[in-house]
Amino acid sequence: MLDRLYLPLLGLAALAAIALSLVWPQGLGARSPGPFGHTPVQQTPAVQAAMKREADASQQRLTQTRQAVRSLQSQAIAPSQ
């Protein structure tokens, strides 16, 4: 391909990539600027409440599991009790 055609196209592609990077969301919690922006799903109150419920349930299951393991270990150490 001719350099006179290839290099300007490469420059335009680079500028397009830079322009896209300026408006594309930068992760789960970030918003896009201007007309492209919207509230991320993870920041809505309903989803945050669901995530908190899930984390609390997970913590409760972990606590119950640890308690069951401790109980089994104490029975193995002192079976007469």
N, C-alpha and C. Protein backbone atom coordinates (compact mmCIF):
# COMPACT_ATOMS: atom_id res chain seq x y z
N MET A 1 0.85 -1.17 0.00
CA MET A 1 0.00 0.00 0.00
C MET A 1 0.90 1.24 0.00
N LEU A 2 0.47 2.27 -0.66
CA LEU A 2 1.26 3.49 -0.74
C LEU A 2 1.31 4.19 0.61
N ASP A 3 2.48 4.76 0.91
CA ASP A 3 2.63 5.50 2.16
C ASP A 3 1.72 6.72 2.20
N ARG A 4 1.48 7.33 1.05
CA ARG A 4 0.62 8.52 1.01
C ARG A 4 -0.82 8.19 1.40
N LEU A 5 -1.22 6.97 1.23
CA LEU A 5 -2.56 6.55 1.61
C LEU A 5 -2.56 5.90 2.99
N TYR A 6 -1.53 5.12 3.27
CA TYR A 6 -1.49 4.33 4.50
C TYR A 6 -1.30 5.20 5.74
N LEU A 7 -0.34 6.12 5.71
CA LEU A 7 -0.04 6.91 6.90
C LEU A 7 -1.19 7.84 7.31
N PRO A 8 -1.86 8.54 6.39
CA PRO A 8 -3.03 9.32 6.82
C PRO A 8 -4.16 8.45 7.39
N LEU A 9 -4.37 7.27 6.80
CA LEU A 9 -5.39 6.37 7.35
C LEU A 9 -5.00 5.89 8.74
N LEU A 10 -3.73 5.62 8.94
CA LEU A 10 -3.24 5.22 10.25
C LEU A 10 -3.42 6.34 11.27
N GLY A 11 -3.15 7.57 10.85
CA GLY A 11 -3.35 8.73 11.72
C GLY A 11 -4.82 8.91 12.08
N LEU A 12 -5.71 8.76 11.10
CA LEU A 12 -7.14 8.87 11.37
C LEU A 12 -7.62 7.77 12.31
N ALA A 13 -7.09 6.56 12.13
CA ALA A 13 -7.46 5.46 13.03
C ALA A 13 -6.98 5.75 14.45
N ALA A 14 -5.79 6.33 14.58
CA ALA A 14 -5.28 6.67 15.91
C ALA A 14 -6.14 7.75 16.55
N LEU A 15 -6.52 8.78 15.79
CA LEU A 15 -7.38 9.83 16.32
C LEU A 15 -8.76 9.28 16.71
N ALA A 16 -9.28 8.37 15.91
CA ALA A 16 -10.57 7.75 16.24
C ALA A 16 -10.47 6.94 17.53
N ALA A 17 -9.37 6.23 17.71
CA ALA A 17 -9.19 5.45 18.94
C ALA A 17 -9.08 6.37 20.15
N ILE A 18 -8.38 7.49 20.00
CA ILE A 18 -8.25 8.45 21.11
C ILE A 18 -9.61 9.07 21.42
N ALA A 19 -10.37 9.45 20.39
CA ALA A 19 -11.70 10.03 20.61
C ALA A 19 -12.62 9.03 21.30
N LEU A 20 -12.55 7.78 20.90
CA LEU A 20 -13.38 6.75 21.53
C LEU A 20 -12.99 6.55 22.99
N SER A 21 -11.71 6.62 23.27
CA SER A 21 -11.26 6.43 24.66
C SER A 21 -11.72 7.56 25.57
N LEU A 22 -11.99 8.73 24.99
CA LEU A 22 -12.45 9.85 25.80
C LEU A 22 -13.90 9.72 26.23
N VAL A 23 -14.69 8.95 25.50
CA VAL A 23 -16.12 8.84 25.82
C VAL A 23 -16.52 7.46 26.30
N TRP A 24 -15.63 6.49 26.27
CA TRP A 24 -15.96 5.13 26.67
C TRP A 24 -15.87 5.01 28.19
N PRO A 25 -16.77 4.28 28.86
CA PRO A 25 -16.69 4.11 30.31
C PRO A 25 -15.37 3.48 30.72
N GLN A 26 -14.88 3.90 31.87
CA GLN A 26 -13.56 3.46 32.32
C GLN A 26 -13.64 2.40 33.41
N GLY A 27 -14.64 1.60 33.42
CA GLY A 27 -14.77 0.55 34.43
C GLY A 27 -16.20 0.46 34.92
N LEU A 28 -16.40 -0.31 35.97
CA LEU A 28 -17.75 -0.55 36.46
C LEU A 28 -18.36 0.68 37.11
N GLY A 29 -17.57 1.47 37.81
CA GLY A 29 -18.13 2.59 38.55
C GLY A 29 -18.04 3.92 37.85
N ALA A 30 -17.30 4.01 36.74
CA ALA A 30 -17.09 5.29 36.08
C ALA A 30 -18.21 5.59 35.09
N ARG A 31 -18.42 6.87 34.86
CA ARG A 31 -19.43 7.29 33.90
C ARG A 31 -18.75 7.88 32.68
N SER A 32 -19.41 7.76 31.57
CA SER A 32 -18.95 8.44 30.36
C SER A 32 -19.38 9.89 30.44
N PRO A 33 -18.61 10.79 29.87
CA PRO A 33 -19.01 12.20 29.90
C PRO A 33 -20.10 12.51 28.88
N GLY A 34 -20.76 13.61 29.11
CA GLY A 34 -21.67 14.18 28.13
C GLY A 34 -22.85 13.30 27.75
N PRO A 35 -23.19 13.30 26.48
CA PRO A 35 -24.41 12.62 26.04
C PRO A 35 -24.32 11.10 26.12
N PHE A 36 -23.12 10.55 26.29
CA PHE A 36 -22.97 9.11 26.33
C PHE A 36 -23.14 8.55 27.74
N GLY A 37 -23.12 9.43 28.74
CA GLY A 37 -23.11 8.97 30.12
C GLY A 37 -24.47 8.51 30.61
N HIS A 38 -24.46 7.55 31.51
CA HIS A 38 -25.65 7.09 32.20
C HIS A 38 -25.20 6.49 33.52
N THR A 39 -26.12 6.37 34.46
CA THR A 39 -25.78 5.81 35.76
C THR A 39 -25.48 4.33 35.60
N PRO A 40 -24.30 3.89 36.03
CA PRO A 40 -23.98 2.47 35.95
C PRO A 40 -24.95 1.64 36.78
N VAL A 41 -25.20 0.43 36.33
CA VAL A 41 -26.17 -0.44 36.98
C VAL A 41 -25.76 -0.69 38.43
N GLN A 42 -24.46 -0.81 38.70
CA GLN A 42 -24.00 -1.12 40.04
C GLN A 42 -24.24 0.02 41.02
N GLN A 43 -24.53 1.22 40.53
CA GLN A 43 -24.74 2.36 41.43
C GLN A 43 -26.21 2.64 41.71
N THR A 44 -27.12 1.89 41.13
CA THR A 44 -28.53 2.11 41.41
C THR A 44 -28.86 1.56 42.80
N PRO A 45 -29.77 2.19 43.53
CA PRO A 45 -30.08 1.75 44.89
C PRO A 45 -30.57 0.30 44.97
N ALA A 46 -31.36 -0.13 44.00
CA ALA A 46 -31.88 -1.50 44.04
C ALA A 46 -30.75 -2.52 43.93
N VAL A 47 -29.82 -2.28 43.04
CA VAL A 47 -28.71 -3.22 42.86
C VAL A 47 -27.77 -3.17 44.06
N GLN A 48 -27.54 -1.98 44.61
CA GLN A 48 -26.69 -1.89 45.80
C GLN A 48 -27.32 -2.64 46.97
N ALA A 49 -28.64 -2.55 47.12
CA ALA A 49 -29.32 -3.28 48.19
C ALA A 49 -29.20 -4.78 47.96
N ALA A 50 -29.35 -5.22 46.73
CA ALA A 50 -29.22 -6.65 46.42
C ALA A 50 -27.80 -7.13 46.68
N MET A 51 -26.81 -6.32 46.33
CA MET A 51 -25.42 -6.70 46.58
C MET A 51 -25.15 -6.79 48.08
N LYS A 52 -25.74 -5.86 48.86
CA LYS A 52 -25.55 -5.91 50.31
C LYS A 52 -26.21 -7.15 50.90
N ARG A 53 -27.42 -7.48 50.43
CA ARG A 53 -28.09 -8.70 50.91
C ARG A 53 -27.25 -9.93 50.59
N GLU A 54 -26.71 -9.98 49.40
CA GLU A 54 -25.90 -11.12 48.99
C GLU A 54 -24.63 -11.22 49.84
N ALA A 55 -24.00 -10.09 50.10
CA ALA A 55 -22.79 -10.09 50.93
C ALA A 55 -23.10 -10.51 52.36
N ASP A 56 -24.22 -10.02 52.90
CA ASP A 56 -24.61 -10.41 54.26
C ASP A 56 -24.92 -11.90 54.34
N ALA A 57 -25.62 -12.43 53.35
CA ALA A 57 -25.94 -13.86 53.34
C ALA A 57 -24.66 -14.69 53.22
N SER A 58 -23.74 -14.24 52.42
CA SER A 58 -22.47 -14.95 52.27
C SER A 58 -21.69 -14.94 53.58
N GLN A 59 -21.69 -13.81 54.25
CA GLN A 59 -20.99 -13.72 55.54
C GLN A 59 -21.65 -14.63 56.57
N GLN A 60 -22.97 -14.70 56.57
CA GLN A 60 -23.68 -15.57 57.50
C GLN A 60 -23.38 -17.04 57.22
N ARG A 61 -23.35 -17.43 55.95
CA ARG A 61 -23.00 -18.81 55.60
C ARG A 61 -21.57 -19.14 56.03
N LEU A 62 -20.67 -18.20 55.86
CA LEU A 62 -19.28 -18.41 56.27
C LEU A 62 -19.18 -18.58 57.78
N THR A 63 -19.90 -17.77 58.52
CA THR A 63 -19.90 -17.87 59.98
C THR A 63 -20.48 -19.21 60.43
N GLN A 64 -21.58 -19.64 59.82
CA GLN A 64 -22.18 -20.93 60.18
C GLN A 64 -21.24 -22.08 59.85
N THR A 65 -20.56 -21.99 58.73
CA THR A 65 -19.62 -23.05 58.35
C THR A 65 -18.46 -23.13 59.33
N ARG A 66 -17.92 -21.98 59.70
CA ARG A 66 -16.82 -21.97 60.67
C ARG A 66 -17.27 -22.52 62.02
N GLN A 67 -18.48 -22.17 62.43
CA GLN A 67 -19.01 -22.66 63.69
C GLN A 67 -19.20 -24.18 63.63
N ALA A 68 -19.67 -24.70 62.52
CA ALA A 68 -19.84 -26.15 62.37
C ALA A 68 -18.50 -26.87 62.41
N VAL A 69 -17.49 -26.29 61.76
CA VAL A 69 -16.16 -26.91 61.78
C VAL A 69 -15.59 -26.90 63.19
N ARG A 70 -15.74 -25.80 63.90
CA ARG A 70 -15.26 -25.74 65.29
C ARG A 70 -15.96 -26.78 66.15
N SER A 71 -17.26 -26.94 65.95
CA SER A 71 -18.02 -27.92 66.72
C SER A 71 -17.52 -29.33 66.43
N LEU A 72 -17.30 -29.65 65.16
CA LEU A 72 -16.79 -30.97 64.80
C LEU A 72 -15.39 -31.20 65.35
N GLN A 73 -14.56 -30.17 65.33
CA GLN A 73 -13.20 -30.31 65.85
C GLN A 73 -13.21 -30.52 67.36
N SER A 74 -14.09 -29.80 68.04
CA SER A 74 -14.15 -29.97 69.50
C SER A 74 -14.70 -31.35 69.86
N GLN A 75 -15.61 -31.89 69.06
CA GLN A 75 -16.11 -33.25 69.31
C GLN A 75 -15.03 -34.28 69.04
N ALA A 76 -14.18 -34.03 68.06
CA ALA A 76 -13.10 -34.97 67.76
C ALA A 76 -12.05 -34.96 68.85
N ILE A 77 -11.82 -33.79 69.45
CA ILE A 77 -10.82 -33.68 70.51
C ILE A 77 -11.35 -34.29 71.81
N ALA A 78 -12.59 -33.97 72.15
CA ALA A 78 -13.19 -34.46 73.39
C ALA A 78 -14.50 -35.16 73.06
N PRO A 79 -14.46 -36.43 72.64
CA PRO A 79 -15.70 -37.11 72.23
C PRO A 79 -16.66 -37.39 73.39
N SER A 80 -16.20 -37.37 74.63
CA SER A 80 -17.08 -37.67 75.75
C SER A 80 -18.06 -36.54 76.05
N GLN A 81 -17.81 -35.38 75.57
CA GLN A 81 -18.69 -34.24 75.88
C GLN A 81 -19.79 -34.09 74.89
